[in-house]
Amino acid sequence: MKFLARVEVGHQAGILDPQGATVQRALPALGYENISEVKIGKSIRLVIEANSESDAREQIEKMCEHLLTNPVIETYEISLVELTGDAAENSAGE
């Protein structure tokens, strides 16, 4: 089975987000006065082959803990979608 995995990475509570703060300060100058709590993270997409969704999730969690994120300052959320038909063959997922 092939799965499209999306890993959304953000800062843990209490960790400063200087990039988000800079964008939040700049938006009012562009006329966006109604914006608050800007946070900037990263999104990782990958295609993984595994026997089951739980196997895929387990492997991705290990990837996050060892390489994709810094667990000291970052959190992550994983979403998986099984690829079927042409999507599984092309593995593009987009």
PDB file of N, CA and C in Angstrom:
ATOM      1  N   MET A   1       0.840  -1.178   0.000  1.00  0.00           N
ATOM      2  CA  MET A   1       0.000   0.000   0.000  1.00  0.00           C
ATOM      3  C   MET A   1       0.885   1.241   0.000  1.00  0.00           C
ATOM      4  N   LYS A   2       0.434   2.263  -0.718  1.00  0.00           N
ATOM      5  CA  LYS A   2       1.141   3.540  -0.720  1.00  0.00           C
ATOM      6  C   LYS A   2       0.273   4.586  -0.033  1.00  0.00           C
ATOM      7  N   PHE A   3       0.939   5.449   0.723  1.00  0.00           N
ATOM      8  CA  PHE A   3       0.266   6.514   1.430  1.00  0.00           C
ATOM      9  C   PHE A   3       0.951   7.843   1.139  1.00  0.00           C
ATOM     10  N   LEU A   4       0.148   8.877   0.985  1.00  0.00           N
ATOM     11  CA  LEU A   4       0.677  10.237   0.951  1.00  0.00           C
ATOM     12  C   LEU A   4       0.660  10.723   2.389  1.00  0.00           C
ATOM     13  N   ALA A   5       1.823  11.079   2.890  1.00  0.00           N
ATOM     14  CA  ALA A   5       1.943  11.566   4.260  1.00  0.00           C
ATOM     15  C   ALA A   5       2.218  13.064   4.233  1.00  0.00           C
ATOM     16  N   ARG A   6       1.537  13.767   5.113  1.00  0.00           N
ATOM     17  CA  ARG A   6       1.789  15.191   5.315  1.00  0.00           C
ATOM     18  C   ARG A   6       2.161  15.375   6.771  1.00  0.00           C
ATOM     19  N   VAL A   7       3.291  15.999   6.992  1.00  0.00           N
ATOM     20  CA  VAL A   7       3.753  16.279   8.345  1.00  0.00           C
ATOM     21  C   VAL A   7       3.786  17.795   8.498  1.00  0.00           C
ATOM     22  N   GLU A   8       2.952  18.307   9.397  1.00  0.00           N
ATOM     23  CA  GLU A   8       2.922  19.741   9.685  1.00  0.00           C
ATOM     24  C   GLU A   8       3.739  19.968  10.949  1.00  0.00           C
ATOM     25  N   VAL A   9       4.754  20.813  10.843  1.00  0.00           N
ATOM     26  CA  VAL A   9       5.685  21.045  11.936  1.00  0.00           C
ATOM     27  C   VAL A   9       5.530  22.478  12.430  1.00  0.00           C
ATOM     28  N   GLY A  10       5.445  22.638  13.739  1.00  0.00           N
ATOM     29  CA  GLY A  10       5.339  23.972  14.330  1.00  0.00           C
ATOM     30  C   GLY A  10       6.179  24.051  15.594  1.00  0.00           C
ATOM     31  N   HIS A  11       6.157  25.229  16.206  1.00  0.00           N
ATOM     32  CA  HIS A  11       6.916  25.443  17.436  1.00  0.00           C
ATOM     33  C   HIS A  11       6.130  24.940  18.644  1.00  0.00           C
ATOM     34  N   GLN A  12       6.836  24.410  19.624  1.00  0.00           N
ATOM     35  CA  GLN A  12       6.191  24.034  20.876  1.00  0.00           C
ATOM     36  C   GLN A  12       5.759  25.296  21.613  1.00  0.00           C
ATOM     37  N   ALA A  13       4.778  25.143  22.490  1.00  0.00           N
ATOM     38  CA  ALA A  13       4.314  26.270  23.300  1.00  0.00           C
ATOM     39  C   ALA A  13       5.490  26.858  24.073  1.00  0.00           C
ATOM     40  N   GLY A  14       5.577  28.165  24.083  1.00  0.00           N
ATOM     41  CA  GLY A  14       6.643  28.852  24.806  1.00  0.00           C
ATOM     42  C   GLY A  14       7.903  29.098  23.992  1.00  0.00           C
ATOM     43  N   ILE A  15       7.992  28.541  22.802  1.00  0.00           N
ATOM     44  CA  ILE A  15       9.155  28.753  21.934  1.00  0.00           C
ATOM     45  C   ILE A  15       8.864  29.946  21.026  1.00  0.00           C
ATOM     46  N   LEU A  16       9.780  30.880  20.979  1.00  0.00           N
ATOM     47  CA  LEU A  16       9.588  32.065  20.151  1.00  0.00           C
ATOM     48  C   LEU A  16       9.569  31.708  18.669  1.00  0.00           C
ATOM     49  N   ASP A  17       8.744  32.441  17.928  1.00  0.00           N
ATOM     50  CA  ASP A  17       8.634  32.283  16.473  1.00  0.00           C
ATOM     51  C   ASP A  17       8.956  33.641  15.852  1.00  0.00           C
ATOM     52  N   PRO A  18      10.250  33.976  15.709  1.00  0.00           N
ATOM     53  CA  PRO A  18      10.612  35.304  15.215  1.00  0.00           C
ATOM     54  C   PRO A  18      10.106  35.573  13.801  1.00  0.00           C
ATOM     55  N   GLN A  19      10.052  34.568  12.961  1.00  0.00           N
ATOM     56  CA  GLN A  19       9.559  34.765  11.597  1.00  0.00           C
ATOM     57  C   GLN A  19       8.066  35.099  11.621  1.00  0.00           C
ATOM     58  N   GLY A  20       7.301  34.379  12.415  1.00  0.00           N
ATOM     59  CA  GLY A  20       5.879  34.669  12.554  1.00  0.00           C
ATOM     60  C   GLY A  20       5.646  36.062  13.123  1.00  0.00           C
ATOM     61  N   ALA A  21       6.449  36.456  14.115  1.00  0.00           N
ATOM     62  CA  ALA A  21       6.307  37.780  14.726  1.00  0.00           C
ATOM     63  C   ALA A  21       6.615  38.885  13.714  1.00  0.00           C
ATOM     64  N   THR A  22       7.610  38.679  12.872  1.00  0.00           N
ATOM     65  CA  THR A  22       7.961  39.667  11.853  1.00  0.00           C
ATOM     66  C   THR A  22       6.822  39.842  10.854  1.00  0.00           C
ATOM     67  N   VAL A  23       6.251  38.735  10.411  1.00  0.00           N
ATOM     68  CA  VAL A  23       5.136  38.807   9.468  1.00  0.00           C
ATOM     69  C   VAL A  23       3.934  39.494  10.130  1.00  0.00           C
ATOM     70  N   GLN A  24       3.661  39.143  11.382  1.00  0.00           N
ATOM     71  CA  GLN A  24       2.527  39.750  12.087  1.00  0.00           C
ATOM     72  C   GLN A  24       2.694  41.265  12.214  1.00  0.00           C
ATOM     73  N   ARG A  25       3.909  41.725  12.468  1.00  0.00           N
ATOM     74  CA  ARG A  25       4.154  43.174  12.567  1.00  0.00           C
ATOM     75  C   ARG A  25       4.038  43.861  11.210  1.00  0.00           C
ATOM     76  N   ALA A  26       4.359  43.150  10.117  1.00  0.00           N
ATOM     77  CA  ALA A  26       4.351  43.754   8.784  1.00  0.00           C
ATOM     78  C   ALA A  26       2.958  43.814   8.162  1.00  0.00           C
ATOM     79  N   LEU A  27       2.070  42.933   8.516  1.00  0.00           N
ATOM     80  CA  LEU A  27       0.759  42.863   7.870  1.00  0.00           C
ATOM     81  C   LEU A  27      -0.085  44.129   8.008  1.00  0.00           C
ATOM     82  N   PRO A  28      -0.100  44.804   9.167  1.00  0.00           N
ATOM     83  CA  PRO A  28      -0.885  46.039   9.247  1.00  0.00           C
ATOM     84  C   PRO A  28      -0.434  47.111   8.259  1.00  0.00           C
ATOM     85  N   ALA A  29       0.848  47.156   7.944  1.00  0.00           N
ATOM     86  CA  ALA A  29       1.350  48.131   6.971  1.00  0.00           C
ATOM     87  C   ALA A  29       0.799  47.853   5.574  1.00  0.00           C
ATOM     88  N   LEU A  30       0.360  46.624   5.339  1.00  0.00           N
ATOM     89  CA  LEU A  30      -0.225  46.255   4.054  1.00  0.00           C
ATOM     90  C   LEU A  30      -1.750  46.331   4.080  1.00  0.00           C
ATOM     91  N   GLY A  31      -2.280  46.856   5.184  1.00  0.00           N
ATOM     92  CA  GLY A  31      -3.725  47.042   5.284  1.00  0.00           C
ATOM     93  C   GLY A  31      -4.463  45.904   5.964  1.00  0.00           C
ATOM     94  N   TYR A  32      -3.756  44.948   6.499  1.00  0.00           N
ATOM     95  CA  TYR A  32      -4.389  43.812   7.182  1.00  0.00           C
ATOM     96  C   TYR A  32      -4.336  44.035   8.689  1.00  0.00           C
ATOM     97  N   GLU A  33      -5.305  44.785   9.191  1.00  0.00           N
ATOM     98  CA  GLU A  33      -5.344  45.139  10.611  1.00  0.00           C
ATOM     99  C   GLU A  33      -5.993  44.051  11.461  1.00  0.00           C
ATOM    100  N   ASN A  34      -6.643  43.101  10.837  1.00  0.00           N
ATOM    101  CA  ASN A  34      -7.440  42.111  11.565  1.00  0.00           C
ATOM    102  C   ASN A  34      -6.719  40.779  11.775  1.00  0.00           C
ATOM    103  N   ILE A  35      -5.394  40.769  11.738  1.00  0.00           N
ATOM    104  CA  ILE A  35      -4.607  39.545  11.839  1.00  0.00           C
ATOM    105  C   ILE A  35      -3.914  39.477  13.193  1.00  0.00           C
ATOM    106  N   SER A  36      -3.920  38.285  13.793  1.00  0.00           N
ATOM    107  CA  SER A  36      -3.182  38.072  15.038  1.00  0.00           C
ATOM    108  C   SER A  36      -2.684  36.627  15.078  1.00  0.00           C
ATOM    109  N   GLU A  37      -1.783  36.383  15.975  1.00  0.00           N
ATOM    110  CA  GLU A  37      -1.260  35.034  16.213  1.00  0.00           C
ATOM    111  C   GLU A  37      -0.712  34.353  14.957  1.00  0.00           C
ATOM    112  N   VAL A  38       0.167  35.032  14.238  1.00  0.00           N
ATOM    113  CA  VAL A  38       0.796  34.455  13.046  1.00  0.00           C
ATOM    114  C   VAL A  38       1.876  33.478  13.496  1.00  0.00           C
ATOM    115  N   LYS A  39       1.800  32.276  12.973  1.00  0.00           N
ATOM    116  CA  LYS A  39       2.803  31.261  13.266  1.00  0.00           C
ATOM    117  C   LYS A  39       3.288  30.683  11.942  1.00  0.00           C
ATOM    118  N   ILE A  40       4.587  30.495  11.838  1.00  0.00           N
ATOM    119  CA  ILE A  40       5.163  29.949  10.619  1.00  0.00           C
ATOM    120  C   ILE A  40       5.878  28.648  10.977  1.00  0.00           C
ATOM    121  N   GLY A  41       5.568  27.619  10.227  1.00  0.00           N
ATOM    122  CA  GLY A  41       6.173  26.306  10.440  1.00  0.00           C
ATOM    123  C   GLY A  41       6.635  25.750   9.110  1.00  0.00           C
ATOM    124  N   LYS A  42       6.633  24.438   9.013  1.00  0.00           N
ATOM    125  CA  LYS A  42       7.004  23.814   7.748  1.00  0.00           C
ATOM    126  C   LYS A  42       6.071  22.634   7.488  1.00  0.00           C
ATOM    127  N   SER A  43       5.940  22.318   6.239  1.00  0.00           N
ATOM    128  CA  SER A  43       5.103  21.203   5.813  1.00  0.00           C
ATOM    129  C   SER A  43       5.967  20.246   5.002  1.00  0.00           C
ATOM    130  N   ILE A  44       5.923  18.977   5.366  1.00  0.00           N
ATOM    131  CA  ILE A  44       6.710  17.954   4.677  1.00  0.00           C
ATOM    132  C   ILE A  44       5.727  16.959   4.072  1.00  0.00           C
ATOM    133  N   ARG A  45       5.889  16.678   2.801  1.00  0.00           N
ATOM    134  CA  ARG A  45       5.051  15.687   2.126  1.00  0.00           C
ATOM    135  C   ARG A  45       5.946  14.583   1.586  1.00  0.00           C
ATOM    136  N   LEU A  46       5.496  13.355   1.780  1.00  0.00           N
ATOM    137  CA  LEU A  46       6.246  12.226   1.241  1.00  0.00           C
ATOM    138  C   LEU A  46       5.292  11.075   0.957  1.00  0.00           C
ATOM    139  N   VAL A  47       5.714  10.195   0.070  1.00  0.00           N
ATOM    140  CA  VAL A  47       4.957   8.986  -0.244  1.00  0.00           C
ATOM    141  C   VAL A  47       5.704   7.826   0.389  1.00  0.00           C
ATOM    142  N   ILE A  48       4.956   6.998   1.115  1.00  0.00           N
ATOM    143  CA  ILE A  48       5.562   5.872   1.816  1.00  0.00           C
ATOM    144  C   ILE A  48       4.802   4.596   1.471  1.00  0.00           C
ATOM    145  N   GLU A  49       5.547   3.536   1.259  1.00  0.00           N
ATOM    146  CA  GLU A  49       4.948   2.220   1.060  1.00  0.00           C
ATOM    147  C   GLU A  49       5.025   1.473   2.387  1.00  0.00           C
ATOM    148  N   ALA A  50       3.885   0.915   2.812  1.00  0.00           N
ATOM    149  CA  ALA A  50       3.833   0.172   4.065  1.00  0.00           C
ATOM    150  C   ALA A  50       2.708  -0.848   3.990  1.00  0.00           C
ATOM    151  N   ASN A  51       2.754  -1.820   4.893  1.00  0.00           N
ATOM    152  CA  ASN A  51       1.727  -2.859   4.915  1.00  0.00           C
ATOM    153  C   ASN A  51       0.377  -2.352   5.402  1.00  0.00           C
ATOM    154  N   SER A  52       0.387  -1.304   6.217  1.00  0.00           N
ATOM    155  CA  SER A  52      -0.857  -0.768   6.767  1.00  0.00           C
ATOM    156  C   SER A  52      -0.655   0.700   7.128  1.00  0.00           C
ATOM    157  N   GLU A  53      -1.764   1.366   7.400  1.00  0.00           N
ATOM    158  CA  GLU A  53      -1.681   2.774   7.819  1.00  0.00           C
ATOM    159  C   GLU A  53      -0.931   2.899   9.139  1.00  0.00           C
ATOM    160  N   SER A  54      -1.151   1.978  10.057  1.00  0.00           N
ATOM    161  CA  SER A  54      -0.455   2.057  11.347  1.00  0.00           C
ATOM    162  C   SER A  54       1.049   1.849  11.184  1.00  0.00           C
ATOM    163  N   ASP A  55       1.453   0.969  10.283  1.00  0.00           N
ATOM    164  CA  ASP A  55       2.886   0.792  10.012  1.00  0.00           C
ATOM    165  C   ASP A  55       3.484   2.065   9.415  1.00  0.00           C
ATOM    166  N   ALA A  56       2.762   2.670   8.474  1.00  0.00           N
ATOM    167  CA  ALA A  56       3.241   3.911   7.853  1.00  0.00           C
ATOM    168  C   ALA A  56       3.383   5.000   8.901  1.00  0.00           C
ATOM    169  N   ARG A  57       2.368   5.145   9.747  1.00  0.00           N
ATOM    170  CA  ARG A  57       2.402   6.181  10.796  1.00  0.00           C
ATOM    171  C   ARG A  57       3.570   5.950  11.752  1.00  0.00           C
ATOM    172  N   GLU A  58       3.786   4.708  12.132  1.00  0.00           N
ATOM    173  CA  GLU A  58       4.886   4.393  13.051  1.00  0.00           C
ATOM    174  C   GLU A  58       6.241   4.772  12.440  1.00  0.00           C
ATOM    175  N   GLN A  59       6.434   4.445  11.162  1.00  0.00           N
ATOM    176  CA  GLN A  59       7.695   4.789  10.498  1.00  0.00           C
ATOM    177  C   GLN A  59       7.882   6.302  10.412  1.00  0.00           C
ATOM    178  N   ILE A  60       6.813   7.017  10.084  1.00  0.00           N
ATOM    179  CA  ILE A  60       6.917   8.476   9.948  1.00  0.00           C
ATOM    180  C   ILE A  60       7.175   9.120  11.294  1.00  0.00           C
ATOM    181  N   GLU A  61       6.563   8.604  12.358  1.00  0.00           N
ATOM    182  CA  GLU A  61       6.846   9.134  13.698  1.00  0.00           C
ATOM    183  C   GLU A  61       8.323   8.983  14.039  1.00  0.00           C
ATOM    184  N   LYS A  62       8.907   7.848  13.695  1.00  0.00           N
ATOM    185  CA  LYS A  62      10.340   7.640  13.938  1.00  0.00           C
ATOM    186  C   LYS A  62      11.177   8.613  13.109  1.00  0.00           C
ATOM    187  N   MET A  63      10.760   8.849  11.848  1.00  0.00           N
ATOM    188  CA  MET A  63      11.466   9.822  11.005  1.00  0.00           C
ATOM    189  C   MET A  63      11.426  11.206  11.639  1.00  0.00           C
ATOM    190  N   CYS A  64      10.263  11.569  12.160  1.00  0.00           N
ATOM    191  CA  CYS A  64      10.106  12.884  12.788  1.00  0.00           C
ATOM    192  C   CYS A  64      11.006  13.017  14.007  1.00  0.00           C
ATOM    193  N   GLU A  65      11.058  11.971  14.815  1.00  0.00           N
ATOM    194  CA  GLU A  65      11.860  12.014  16.036  1.00  0.00           C
ATOM    195  C   GLU A  65      13.355  12.028  15.765  1.00  0.00           C
ATOM    196  N   HIS A  66      13.782  11.429  14.640  1.00  0.00           N
ATOM    197  CA  HIS A  66      15.217  11.321  14.365  1.00  0.00           C
ATOM    198  C   HIS A  66      15.766  12.323  13.353  1.00  0.00           C
ATOM    199  N   LEU A  67      14.898  12.833  12.451  1.00  0.00           N
ATOM    200  CA  LEU A  67      15.437  13.660  11.373  1.00  0.00           C
ATOM    201  C   LEU A  67      14.564  14.853  10.990  1.00  0.00           C
ATOM    202  N   LEU A  68      13.275  14.644  10.838  1.00  0.00           N
ATOM    203  CA  LEU A  68      12.424  15.674  10.239  1.00  0.00           C
ATOM    204  C   LEU A  68      12.101  16.840  11.160  1.00  0.00           C
ATOM    205  N   THR A  69      12.153  16.622  12.465  1.00  0.00           N
ATOM    206  CA  THR A  69      11.848  17.699  13.407  1.00  0.00           C
ATOM    207  C   THR A  69      12.891  17.741  14.514  1.00  0.00           C
ATOM    208  N   ASN A  70      12.879  18.834  15.238  1.00  0.00           N
ATOM    209  CA  ASN A  70      13.690  18.956  16.440  1.00  0.00           C
ATOM    210  C   ASN A  70      12.724  18.822  17.619  1.00  0.00           C
ATOM    211  N   PRO A  71      12.638  17.652  18.245  1.00  0.00           N
ATOM    212  CA  PRO A  71      11.636  17.436  19.281  1.00  0.00           C
ATOM    213  C   PRO A  71      11.802  18.321  20.515  1.00  0.00           C
ATOM    214  N   VAL A  72      12.933  18.963  20.663  1.00  0.00           N
ATOM    215  CA  VAL A  72      13.139  19.854  21.797  1.00  0.00           C
ATOM    216  C   VAL A  72      12.306  21.130  21.644  1.00  0.00           C
ATOM    217  N   ILE A  73      12.153  21.623  20.400  1.00  0.00           N
ATOM    218  CA  ILE A  73      11.451  22.898  20.195  1.00  0.00           C
ATOM    219  C   ILE A  73      10.271  22.813  19.230  1.00  0.00           C
ATOM    220  N   GLU A  74      10.075  21.651  18.580  1.00  0.00           N
ATOM    221  CA  GLU A  74       9.029  21.554  17.568  1.00  0.00           C
ATOM    222  C   GLU A  74       8.021  20.454  17.897  1.00  0.00           C
ATOM    223  N   THR A  75       6.810  20.658  17.411  1.00  0.00           N
ATOM    224  CA  THR A  75       5.766  19.641  17.461  1.00  0.00           C
ATOM    225  C   THR A  75       5.454  19.248  16.024  1.00  0.00           C
ATOM    226  N   TYR A  76       4.765  18.133  15.858  1.00  0.00           N
ATOM    227  CA  TYR A  76       4.384  17.722  14.514  1.00  0.00           C
ATOM    228  C   TYR A  76       3.039  17.018  14.548  1.00  0.00           C
ATOM    229  N   GLU A  77       2.375  17.073  13.416  1.00  0.00           N
ATOM    230  CA  GLU A  77       1.103  16.382  13.233  1.00  0.00           C
ATOM    231  C   GLU A  77       1.171  15.655  11.891  1.00  0.00           C
ATOM    232  N   ILE A  78       0.813  14.383  11.896  1.00  0.00           N
ATOM    233  CA  ILE A  78       0.889  13.547  10.700  1.00  0.00           C
ATOM    234  C   ILE A  78      -0.514  13.273  10.178  1.00  0.00           C
ATOM    235  N   SER A  79      -0.696  13.437   8.876  1.00  0.00           N
ATOM    236  CA  SER A  79      -1.934  12.981   8.242  1.00  0.00           C
ATOM    237  C   SER A  79      -1.553  12.053   7.088  1.00  0.00           C
ATOM    238  N   LEU A  80      -2.322  10.985   6.952  1.00  0.00           N
ATOM    239  CA  LEU A  80      -2.057   9.976   5.921  1.00  0.00           C
ATOM    240  C   LEU A  80      -3.288   9.780   5.055  1.00  0.00           C
ATOM    241  N   VAL A  81      -3.048   9.649   3.752  1.00  0.00           N
ATOM    242  CA  VAL A  81      -4.107   9.333   2.797  1.00  0.00           C
ATOM    243  C   VAL A  81      -3.597   8.186   1.942  1.00  0.00           C
ATOM    244  N   GLU A  82      -4.388   7.130   1.861  1.00  0.00           N
ATOM    245  CA  GLU A  82      -3.987   6.006   1.022  1.00  0.00           C
ATOM    246  C   GLU A  82      -4.111   6.395  -0.440  1.00  0.00           C
ATOM    247  N   LEU A  83      -3.065   6.131  -1.201  1.00  0.00           N
ATOM    248  CA  LEU A  83      -3.074   6.405  -2.636  1.00  0.00           C
ATOM    249  C   LEU A  83      -3.603   5.171  -3.356  1.00  0.00           C
ATOM    250  N   THR A  84      -4.535   5.410  -4.248  1.00  0.00           N
ATOM    251  CA  THR A  84      -5.109   4.311  -5.009  1.00  0.00           C
ATOM    252  C   THR A  84      -5.089   4.645  -6.486  1.00  0.00           C
ATOM    253  N   GLY A  85      -5.230   3.631  -7.328  1.00  0.00           N
ATOM    254  CA  GLY A  85      -5.329   3.836  -8.773  1.00  0.00           C
ATOM    255  C   GLY A  85      -4.137   4.571  -9.349  1.00  0.00           C
ATOM    256  N   ASP A  86      -4.421   5.575 -10.198  1.00  0.00           N
ATOM    257  CA  ASP A  86      -3.365   6.332 -10.866  1.00  0.00           C
ATOM    258  C   ASP A  86      -2.463   7.055  -9.870  1.00  0.00           C
ATOM    259  N   ALA A  87      -3.041   7.541  -8.777  1.00  0.00           N
ATOM    260  CA  ALA A  87      -2.239   8.262  -7.788  1.00  0.00           C
ATOM    261  C   ALA A  87      -1.172   7.359  -7.204  1.00  0.00           C
ATOM    262  N   ALA A  88      -1.525   6.105  -6.949  1.00  0.00           N
ATOM    263  CA  ALA A  88      -0.538   5.165  -6.389  1.00  0.00           C
ATOM    264  C   ALA A  88       0.541   4.847  -7.408  1.00  0.00           C
ATOM    265  N   GLU A  89       0.138   4.762  -8.670  1.00  0.00           N
ATOM    266  CA  GLU A  89       1.108   4.443  -9.724  1.00  0.00           C
ATOM    267  C   GLU A  89       2.068   5.605  -9.962  1.00  0.00           C
ATOM    268  N   ASN A  90       1.538   6.819  -9.963  1.00  0.00           N
ATOM    269  CA  ASN A  90       2.369   7.999 -10.236  1.00  0.00           C
ATOM    270  C   ASN A  90       3.107   8.474  -8.989  1.00  0.00           C
ATOM    271  N   SER A  91       2.556   8.188  -7.824  1.00  0.00           N
ATOM    272  CA  SER A  91       3.126   8.600  -6.537  1.00  0.00           C
ATOM    273  C   SER A  91       3.311  10.099  -6.438  1.00  0.00           C
ATOM    274  N   ALA A  92       2.608  10.871  -7.245  1.00  0.00           N
ATOM    275  CA  ALA A  92       2.725  12.327  -7.177  1.00  0.00           C
ATOM    276  C   ALA A  92       1.936  12.858  -6.006  1.00  0.00           C
ATOM    277  N   GLY A  93       0.750  12.361  -5.799  1.00  0.00           N
ATOM    278  CA  GLY A  93      -0.043  12.775  -4.665  1.00  0.00           C
ATOM    279  C   GLY A  93      -0.567  14.185  -4.729  1.00  0.00           C
ATOM    280  N   GLU A  94      -0.295  14.893  -5.756  1.00  0.00           N
ATOM    281  CA  GLU A  94      -0.756  16.292  -5.872  1.00  0.00           C
ATOM    282  C   GLU A  94      -1.696  16.419  -7.014  1.00  0.00           C
TER     283      GLU A  94
END
